[in-house]
Amino acid sequence: MAKQAFNDIFMNLATDLATRSHCVRAHVGAVLTKDTRIISIGYNGPPAGTHNCDEEWPQDGCARDSKGSCSLALHAEENAILYAVKNGSKIAGSTLYTTLSPCIACARLILSSGIKKVYFKDSYAAYKGLPSDEGVDFLVRFGVEVLQHPVAV
């Protein structure tokens, strides 16, 4: 029996983590790795100690800001990066696996954190109905390797 590739293992874990999200609109998971070891994990949701969207606002999701964005939730990538930093992990040169390609704000954080490679499963642009994946374009422009993970058959 062939061993499962680490890329598949980490993307499967990100997919499983996405199910932990309390978001009413999207479930996204992320795994941050270095040298085939997990540094941190994350999924989209509010900061620890605050209200879960599906419990506080079960019909519409979390409160929205003036631009229509969720005013409370952190993205899965943000949660994974922030947890790693909070715990003193060195993330420069690491690889991020995420179930949804990064938005532009997360892309800036990924680049600034020194993450060198990003694998994503689904397109943020397709999810949002946008013409292009701005976050992916941004990362590629500044030298971060970005790859769409093949869908398992």
N, C-alpha and C. Protein backbone atom coordinates (compact mmCIF):
# COMPACT_ATOMS: atom_id res chain seq x y z
N MET A 1 0.84 -1.18 0.00
CA MET A 1 0.00 0.00 0.00
C MET A 1 0.89 1.25 0.00
N ALA A 2 0.62 2.15 -0.91
CA ALA A 2 1.42 3.37 -1.03
C ALA A 2 1.08 4.34 0.10
N LYS A 3 2.11 5.03 0.58
CA LYS A 3 1.90 6.04 1.61
C LYS A 3 1.22 7.26 1.01
N GLN A 4 0.35 7.86 1.79
CA GLN A 4 -0.32 9.08 1.35
C GLN A 4 0.68 10.23 1.37
N ALA A 5 0.65 11.07 0.35
CA ALA A 5 1.55 12.22 0.26
C ALA A 5 1.22 13.23 1.35
N PHE A 6 2.25 13.91 1.87
CA PHE A 6 2.03 14.92 2.90
C PHE A 6 1.08 16.02 2.43
N ASN A 7 1.19 16.42 1.16
CA ASN A 7 0.28 17.45 0.65
C ASN A 7 -1.18 17.02 0.82
N ASP A 8 -1.45 15.76 0.54
CA ASP A 8 -2.82 15.24 0.70
C ASP A 8 -3.22 15.19 2.17
N ILE A 9 -2.31 14.75 3.01
CA ILE A 9 -2.59 14.67 4.45
C ILE A 9 -2.92 16.05 5.00
N PHE A 10 -2.10 17.04 4.66
CA PHE A 10 -2.31 18.38 5.21
C PHE A 10 -3.57 19.04 4.66
N MET A 11 -3.86 18.81 3.37
CA MET A 11 -5.09 19.39 2.82
C MET A 11 -6.32 18.69 3.39
N ASN A 12 -6.22 17.39 3.60
CA ASN A 12 -7.33 16.67 4.24
C ASN A 12 -7.57 17.19 5.65
N LEU A 13 -6.48 17.47 6.37
CA LEU A 13 -6.62 18.02 7.72
C LEU A 13 -7.27 19.40 7.67
N ALA A 14 -6.84 20.24 6.72
CA ALA A 14 -7.46 21.57 6.57
C ALA A 14 -8.95 21.43 6.29
N THR A 15 -9.31 20.47 5.46
CA THR A 15 -10.72 20.22 5.14
C THR A 15 -11.48 19.78 6.39
N ASP A 16 -10.88 18.91 7.18
CA ASP A 16 -11.52 18.48 8.42
C ASP A 16 -11.65 19.64 9.40
N LEU A 17 -10.62 20.48 9.50
CA LEU A 17 -10.67 21.63 10.41
C LEU A 17 -11.77 22.60 10.02
N ALA A 18 -12.03 22.72 8.73
CA ALA A 18 -13.08 23.63 8.26
C ALA A 18 -14.43 23.29 8.88
N THR A 19 -14.64 22.03 9.19
CA THR A 19 -15.92 21.62 9.79
C THR A 19 -16.09 22.15 11.20
N ARG A 20 -15.02 22.63 11.82
CA ARG A 20 -15.09 23.19 13.18
C ARG A 20 -15.60 24.63 13.18
N SER A 21 -15.62 25.26 12.03
CA SER A 21 -16.06 26.65 11.94
C SER A 21 -17.53 26.79 12.33
N HIS A 22 -17.82 27.87 13.05
CA HIS A 22 -19.20 28.19 13.42
C HIS A 22 -19.80 29.21 12.47
N CYS A 23 -19.08 29.58 11.43
CA CYS A 23 -19.57 30.59 10.49
C CYS A 23 -20.81 30.06 9.76
N VAL A 24 -21.77 30.94 9.58
CA VAL A 24 -23.02 30.58 8.90
C VAL A 24 -22.80 30.52 7.39
N ARG A 25 -21.84 31.28 6.88
CA ARG A 25 -21.67 31.42 5.43
C ARG A 25 -20.57 30.58 4.81
N ALA A 26 -19.48 30.35 5.52
CA ALA A 26 -18.35 29.62 4.93
C ALA A 26 -17.61 28.83 6.01
N HIS A 27 -17.05 27.72 5.61
CA HIS A 27 -16.25 26.89 6.51
C HIS A 27 -14.89 26.71 5.85
N VAL A 28 -13.87 27.31 6.45
CA VAL A 28 -12.53 27.30 5.88
C VAL A 28 -11.55 26.80 6.94
N GLY A 29 -10.62 25.94 6.53
CA GLY A 29 -9.59 25.43 7.42
C GLY A 29 -8.21 25.72 6.86
N ALA A 30 -7.22 25.77 7.75
CA ALA A 30 -5.84 26.03 7.34
C ALA A 30 -4.87 25.24 8.21
N VAL A 31 -3.79 24.80 7.59
CA VAL A 31 -2.71 24.10 8.29
C VAL A 31 -1.40 24.74 7.87
N LEU A 32 -0.60 25.12 8.85
CA LEU A 32 0.70 25.74 8.60
C LEU A 32 1.77 24.71 8.95
N THR A 33 2.67 24.43 7.99
CA THR A 33 3.67 23.39 8.18
C THR A 33 5.07 23.90 7.85
N LYS A 34 6.05 23.18 8.38
CA LYS A 34 7.44 23.43 8.01
C LYS A 34 8.17 22.09 8.08
N ASP A 35 8.85 21.75 7.01
CA ASP A 35 9.61 20.50 6.94
C ASP A 35 8.73 19.30 7.30
N THR A 36 7.57 19.22 6.72
CA THR A 36 6.57 18.16 6.90
C THR A 36 6.09 18.00 8.35
N ARG A 37 6.21 19.06 9.13
CA ARG A 37 5.70 19.05 10.51
C ARG A 37 4.67 20.16 10.66
N ILE A 38 3.62 19.91 11.40
CA ILE A 38 2.57 20.91 11.61
C ILE A 38 3.04 21.92 12.65
N ILE A 39 2.99 23.19 12.27
CA ILE A 39 3.32 24.29 13.18
C ILE A 39 2.06 24.80 13.87
N SER A 40 0.98 24.93 13.09
CA SER A 40 -0.24 25.52 13.62
C SER A 40 -1.42 25.13 12.73
N ILE A 41 -2.60 25.27 13.30
CA ILE A 41 -3.84 25.03 12.56
C ILE A 41 -4.79 26.19 12.81
N GLY A 42 -5.79 26.32 11.94
CA GLY A 42 -6.79 27.36 12.15
C GLY A 42 -8.02 27.10 11.33
N TYR A 43 -9.09 27.73 11.73
CA TYR A 43 -10.32 27.74 10.94
C TYR A 43 -10.99 29.08 11.16
N ASN A 44 -11.87 29.46 10.24
CA ASN A 44 -12.47 30.79 10.34
C ASN A 44 -13.47 30.84 11.49
N GLY A 45 -13.43 31.96 12.18
CA GLY A 45 -14.34 32.15 13.30
C GLY A 45 -13.90 33.32 14.16
N PRO A 46 -14.67 33.61 15.18
CA PRO A 46 -14.37 34.75 16.03
C PRO A 46 -13.18 34.47 16.95
N PRO A 47 -12.56 35.52 17.48
CA PRO A 47 -11.48 35.32 18.44
C PRO A 47 -11.96 34.54 19.66
N ALA A 48 -11.07 33.79 20.26
CA ALA A 48 -11.42 33.01 21.45
C ALA A 48 -12.00 33.94 22.51
N GLY A 49 -13.04 33.46 23.15
CA GLY A 49 -13.67 34.23 24.22
C GLY A 49 -14.80 35.14 23.77
N THR A 50 -15.06 35.16 22.46
CA THR A 50 -16.17 35.97 21.95
C THR A 50 -17.30 35.04 21.50
N HIS A 51 -18.28 35.58 20.83
CA HIS A 51 -19.47 34.81 20.45
C HIS A 51 -19.28 34.08 19.12
N ASN A 52 -19.77 32.85 19.05
CA ASN A 52 -19.79 32.12 17.78
C ASN A 52 -20.94 32.63 16.93
N CYS A 53 -20.66 32.83 15.65
CA CYS A 53 -21.65 33.41 14.73
C CYS A 53 -22.95 32.63 14.69
N ASP A 54 -22.87 31.32 14.61
CA ASP A 54 -24.08 30.51 14.47
C ASP A 54 -24.91 30.46 15.75
N GLU A 55 -24.30 30.83 16.87
CA GLU A 55 -25.03 30.86 18.13
C GLU A 55 -25.64 32.23 18.39
N GLU A 56 -24.87 33.28 18.11
CA GLU A 56 -25.31 34.65 18.36
C GLU A 56 -26.25 35.17 17.28
N TRP A 57 -25.92 34.86 16.02
CA TRP A 57 -26.71 35.35 14.88
C TRP A 57 -27.03 34.17 13.95
N PRO A 58 -27.86 33.23 14.35
CA PRO A 58 -28.06 32.00 13.56
C PRO A 58 -28.69 32.20 12.19
N GLN A 59 -29.43 33.25 11.99
CA GLN A 59 -30.10 33.47 10.70
C GLN A 59 -29.18 34.09 9.66
N ASP A 60 -28.46 35.13 10.04
CA ASP A 60 -27.71 35.94 9.08
C ASP A 60 -26.20 35.83 9.21
N GLY A 61 -25.71 35.18 10.23
CA GLY A 61 -24.28 35.18 10.46
C GLY A 61 -23.89 36.39 11.28
N CYS A 62 -22.60 36.61 11.41
CA CYS A 62 -22.12 37.66 12.32
C CYS A 62 -22.46 39.06 11.83
N ALA A 63 -22.32 39.99 12.75
CA ALA A 63 -22.58 41.40 12.44
C ALA A 63 -21.65 41.86 11.33
N ARG A 64 -22.13 42.74 10.48
CA ARG A 64 -21.37 43.22 9.32
C ARG A 64 -20.89 44.65 9.54
N ASP A 65 -19.72 44.95 8.96
CA ASP A 65 -19.21 46.32 9.01
C ASP A 65 -19.78 47.12 7.84
N SER A 66 -19.31 48.35 7.67
CA SER A 66 -19.86 49.23 6.62
C SER A 66 -19.59 48.72 5.21
N LYS A 67 -18.61 47.82 5.04
CA LYS A 67 -18.31 47.25 3.72
C LYS A 67 -19.01 45.91 3.50
N GLY A 68 -19.78 45.48 4.49
CA GLY A 68 -20.49 44.21 4.36
C GLY A 68 -19.70 43.00 4.80
N SER A 69 -18.50 43.24 5.34
CA SER A 69 -17.67 42.13 5.81
C SER A 69 -18.01 41.80 7.25
N CYS A 70 -17.76 40.57 7.62
CA CYS A 70 -17.99 40.15 9.01
C CYS A 70 -17.06 40.95 9.91
N SER A 71 -17.63 41.58 10.91
CA SER A 71 -16.83 42.46 11.77
C SER A 71 -16.14 41.71 12.90
N LEU A 72 -16.45 40.46 13.09
CA LEU A 72 -15.91 39.72 14.23
C LEU A 72 -14.93 38.62 13.84
N ALA A 73 -15.20 37.92 12.77
CA ALA A 73 -14.45 36.69 12.46
C ALA A 73 -13.04 36.95 11.94
N LEU A 74 -12.18 36.00 12.27
CA LEU A 74 -10.85 35.91 11.70
C LEU A 74 -10.89 34.82 10.63
N HIS A 75 -10.12 35.01 9.57
CA HIS A 75 -10.02 33.98 8.55
C HIS A 75 -9.15 32.83 9.06
N ALA A 76 -9.29 31.67 8.46
CA ALA A 76 -8.54 30.49 8.87
C ALA A 76 -7.04 30.73 8.81
N GLU A 77 -6.58 31.40 7.76
CA GLU A 77 -5.15 31.70 7.61
C GLU A 77 -4.67 32.60 8.74
N GLU A 78 -5.48 33.62 9.07
CA GLU A 78 -5.13 34.52 10.17
C GLU A 78 -5.02 33.76 11.48
N ASN A 79 -6.00 32.91 11.76
CA ASN A 79 -5.98 32.14 13.00
C ASN A 79 -4.75 31.24 13.08
N ALA A 80 -4.40 30.57 11.99
CA ALA A 80 -3.23 29.69 11.99
C ALA A 80 -1.95 30.49 12.22
N ILE A 81 -1.80 31.60 11.53
CA ILE A 81 -0.59 32.43 11.66
C ILE A 81 -0.52 33.05 13.06
N LEU A 82 -1.61 33.61 13.53
CA LEU A 82 -1.61 34.26 14.85
C LEU A 82 -1.32 33.26 15.97
N TYR A 83 -1.87 32.07 15.88
CA TYR A 83 -1.61 31.05 16.90
C TYR A 83 -0.13 30.66 16.89
N ALA A 84 0.44 30.50 15.70
CA ALA A 84 1.86 30.15 15.60
C ALA A 84 2.73 31.24 16.23
N VAL A 85 2.43 32.49 15.91
CA VAL A 85 3.21 33.61 16.45
C VAL A 85 3.04 33.69 17.97
N LYS A 86 1.81 33.56 18.42
CA LYS A 86 1.51 33.61 19.86
C LYS A 86 2.31 32.57 20.64
N ASN A 87 2.55 31.43 20.02
CA ASN A 87 3.27 30.35 20.68
C ASN A 87 4.76 30.30 20.34
N GLY A 88 5.26 31.34 19.68
CA GLY A 88 6.70 31.45 19.43
C GLY A 88 7.24 30.59 18.30
N SER A 89 6.38 30.09 17.44
CA SER A 89 6.85 29.28 16.30
C SER A 89 7.48 30.17 15.25
N LYS A 90 8.52 29.67 14.64
CA LYS A 90 9.17 30.39 13.54
C LYS A 90 8.49 29.96 12.25
N ILE A 91 7.83 30.90 11.57
CA ILE A 91 7.05 30.52 10.40
C ILE A 91 7.69 30.94 9.08
N ALA A 92 8.79 31.67 9.13
CA ALA A 92 9.47 32.04 7.88
C ALA A 92 9.87 30.77 7.14
N GLY A 93 9.56 30.72 5.85
CA GLY A 93 9.90 29.56 5.03
C GLY A 93 8.90 28.42 5.12
N SER A 94 7.79 28.65 5.78
CA SER A 94 6.80 27.59 5.97
C SER A 94 5.85 27.47 4.78
N THR A 95 4.98 26.47 4.85
CA THR A 95 3.98 26.19 3.83
C THR A 95 2.60 26.23 4.47
N LEU A 96 1.65 26.86 3.78
CA LEU A 96 0.28 26.97 4.26
C LEU A 96 -0.64 26.19 3.35
N TYR A 97 -1.50 25.38 3.95
CA TYR A 97 -2.55 24.65 3.24
C TYR A 97 -3.87 25.26 3.68
N THR A 98 -4.70 25.67 2.73
CA THR A 98 -5.98 26.27 3.07
C THR A 98 -7.06 25.80 2.10
N THR A 99 -8.26 25.65 2.61
CA THR A 99 -9.33 25.12 1.78
C THR A 99 -9.90 26.16 0.82
N LEU A 100 -9.59 27.43 1.04
CA LEU A 100 -10.04 28.50 0.16
C LEU A 100 -8.85 29.40 -0.12
N SER A 101 -8.61 29.75 -1.37
CA SER A 101 -7.46 30.60 -1.68
C SER A 101 -7.54 31.90 -0.87
N PRO A 102 -6.40 32.45 -0.49
CA PRO A 102 -6.39 33.61 0.40
C PRO A 102 -6.99 34.86 -0.24
N CYS A 103 -7.73 35.62 0.58
CA CYS A 103 -8.19 36.94 0.16
C CYS A 103 -6.96 37.86 0.15
N ILE A 104 -7.12 39.06 -0.32
CA ILE A 104 -5.99 39.99 -0.42
C ILE A 104 -5.43 40.34 0.96
N ALA A 105 -6.28 40.51 1.96
CA ALA A 105 -5.80 40.83 3.31
C ALA A 105 -4.96 39.68 3.88
N CYS A 106 -5.43 38.46 3.71
CA CYS A 106 -4.66 37.30 4.18
C CYS A 106 -3.38 37.14 3.36
N ALA A 107 -3.44 37.45 2.08
CA ALA A 107 -2.24 37.37 1.24
C ALA A 107 -1.16 38.31 1.75
N ARG A 108 -1.54 39.51 2.15
CA ARG A 108 -0.55 40.45 2.71
C ARG A 108 0.06 39.89 3.99
N LEU A 109 -0.75 39.29 4.83
CA LEU A 109 -0.26 38.69 6.07
C LEU A 109 0.65 37.50 5.78
N ILE A 110 0.29 36.69 4.82
CA ILE A 110 1.10 35.53 4.42
C ILE A 110 2.47 35.99 3.94
N LEU A 111 2.49 36.97 3.05
CA LEU A 111 3.76 37.49 2.53
C LEU A 111 4.60 38.08 3.65
N SER A 112 3.99 38.90 4.49
CA SER A 112 4.71 39.56 5.58
C SER A 112 5.24 38.57 6.61
N SER A 113 4.59 37.42 6.73
CA SER A 113 5.01 36.40 7.69
C SER A 113 6.16 35.54 7.18
N GLY A 114 6.48 35.66 5.90
CA GLY A 114 7.57 34.88 5.34
C GLY A 114 7.19 33.49 4.88
N ILE A 115 5.90 33.23 4.76
CA ILE A 115 5.44 31.94 4.24
C ILE A 115 5.83 31.87 2.77
N LYS A 116 6.42 30.76 2.36
CA LYS A 116 6.98 30.66 1.01
C LYS A 116 6.13 29.88 0.02
N LYS A 117 5.18 29.09 0.53
CA LYS A 117 4.36 28.29 -0.39
C LYS A 117 2.95 28.18 0.18
N VAL A 118 1.96 28.27 -0.71
CA VAL A 118 0.56 28.14 -0.32
C VAL A 118 -0.12 27.15 -1.25
N TYR A 119 -0.78 26.17 -0.66
CA TYR A 119 -1.65 25.26 -1.40
C TYR A 119 -3.08 25.60 -1.03
N PHE A 120 -3.95 25.71 -2.02
CA PHE A 120 -5.35 25.95 -1.73
C PHE A 120 -6.20 24.94 -2.49
N LYS A 121 -7.40 24.70 -1.96
CA LYS A 121 -8.31 23.73 -2.56
C LYS A 121 -9.29 24.41 -3.51
N ASP A 122 -10.03 25.39 -3.02
CA ASP A 122 -11.05 26.07 -3.82
C ASP A 122 -10.71 27.55 -3.99
N SER A 123 -11.27 28.15 -5.01
CA SER A 123 -11.00 29.54 -5.36
C SER A 123 -11.87 30.52 -4.57
N TYR A 124 -11.22 31.49 -3.93
CA TYR A 124 -11.93 32.57 -3.24
C TYR A 124 -12.72 33.40 -4.25
N ALA A 125 -12.13 33.63 -5.43
CA ALA A 125 -12.81 34.41 -6.47
C ALA A 125 -14.11 33.73 -6.90
N ALA A 126 -14.06 32.43 -7.10
CA ALA A 126 -15.28 31.70 -7.49
C ALA A 126 -16.32 31.76 -6.37
N TYR A 127 -15.86 31.63 -5.13
CA TYR A 127 -16.76 31.68 -3.97
C TYR A 127 -17.44 33.05 -3.87
N LYS A 128 -16.68 34.11 -4.12
CA LYS A 128 -17.20 35.48 -3.99
C LYS A 128 -17.77 36.04 -5.29
N GLY A 129 -17.61 35.32 -6.40
CA GLY A 129 -18.08 35.82 -7.69
C GLY A 129 -17.22 36.95 -8.22
N LEU A 130 -15.92 36.88 -7.96
CA LEU A 130 -14.97 37.91 -8.40
C LEU A 130 -14.30 37.47 -9.70
N PRO A 131 -13.80 38.43 -10.48
CA PRO A 131 -13.17 38.07 -11.75
C PRO A 131 -11.82 37.37 -11.62
N SER A 132 -11.12 37.60 -10.49
CA SER A 132 -9.81 36.95 -10.33
C SER A 132 -9.51 36.76 -8.85
N ASP A 133 -8.57 35.88 -8.58
CA ASP A 133 -8.11 35.64 -7.21
C ASP A 133 -7.02 36.66 -6.89
N GLU A 134 -7.42 37.81 -6.38
CA GLU A 134 -6.47 38.89 -6.09
C GLU A 134 -5.39 38.47 -5.11
N GLY A 135 -5.78 37.69 -4.11
CA GLY A 135 -4.80 37.23 -3.13
C GLY A 135 -3.74 36.35 -3.76
N VAL A 136 -4.16 35.43 -4.61
CA VAL A 136 -3.22 34.55 -5.31
C VAL A 136 -2.32 35.38 -6.22
N ASP A 137 -2.92 36.28 -6.99
CA ASP A 137 -2.14 37.13 -7.90
C ASP A 137 -1.09 37.93 -7.14
N PHE A 138 -1.47 38.47 -5.99
CA PHE A 138 -0.56 39.26 -5.15
C PHE A 138 0.61 38.40 -4.68
N LEU A 139 0.31 37.22 -4.16
CA LEU A 139 1.37 36.35 -3.66
C LEU A 139 2.34 35.93 -4.75
N VAL A 140 1.81 35.55 -5.90
CA VAL A 140 2.66 35.15 -7.02
C VAL A 140 3.54 36.31 -7.47
N ARG A 141 2.96 37.49 -7.52
CA ARG A 141 3.72 38.68 -7.94
C ARG A 141 4.93 38.92 -7.05
N PHE A 142 4.80 38.59 -5.77
CA PHE A 142 5.89 38.85 -4.83
C PHE A 142 6.67 37.60 -4.44
N GLY A 143 6.58 36.56 -5.27
CA GLY A 143 7.48 35.42 -5.14
C GLY A 143 7.04 34.28 -4.25
N VAL A 144 5.80 34.29 -3.80
CA VAL A 144 5.30 33.15 -3.03
C VAL A 144 4.75 32.13 -4.03
N GLU A 145 5.14 30.89 -3.87
CA GLU A 145 4.64 29.83 -4.75
C GLU A 145 3.22 29.47 -4.31
N VAL A 146 2.28 29.51 -5.24
CA VAL A 146 0.88 29.21 -4.94
C VAL A 146 0.40 28.14 -5.90
N LEU A 147 -0.16 27.07 -5.33
CA LEU A 147 -0.62 25.94 -6.13
C LEU A 147 -2.01 25.51 -5.70
N GLN A 148 -2.86 25.23 -6.68
CA GLN A 148 -4.16 24.68 -6.34
C GLN A 148 -3.99 23.18 -6.14
N HIS A 149 -4.44 22.71 -5.00
CA HIS A 149 -4.31 21.28 -4.68
C HIS A 149 -5.34 20.51 -5.50
N PRO A 150 -4.91 19.46 -6.17
CA PRO A 150 -5.87 18.69 -6.97
C PRO A 150 -6.97 18.10 -6.09
N VAL A 151 -8.15 18.06 -6.64
CA VAL A 151 -9.28 17.46 -5.94
C VAL A 151 -9.12 15.95 -5.98
N ALA A 152 -9.24 15.31 -4.83
CA ALA A 152 -9.11 13.85 -4.77
C ALA A 152 -10.27 13.19 -5.52
N VAL A 153 -9.95 12.15 -6.25
CA VAL A 153 -10.97 11.44 -7.03
C VAL A 153 -11.39 10.19 -6.29
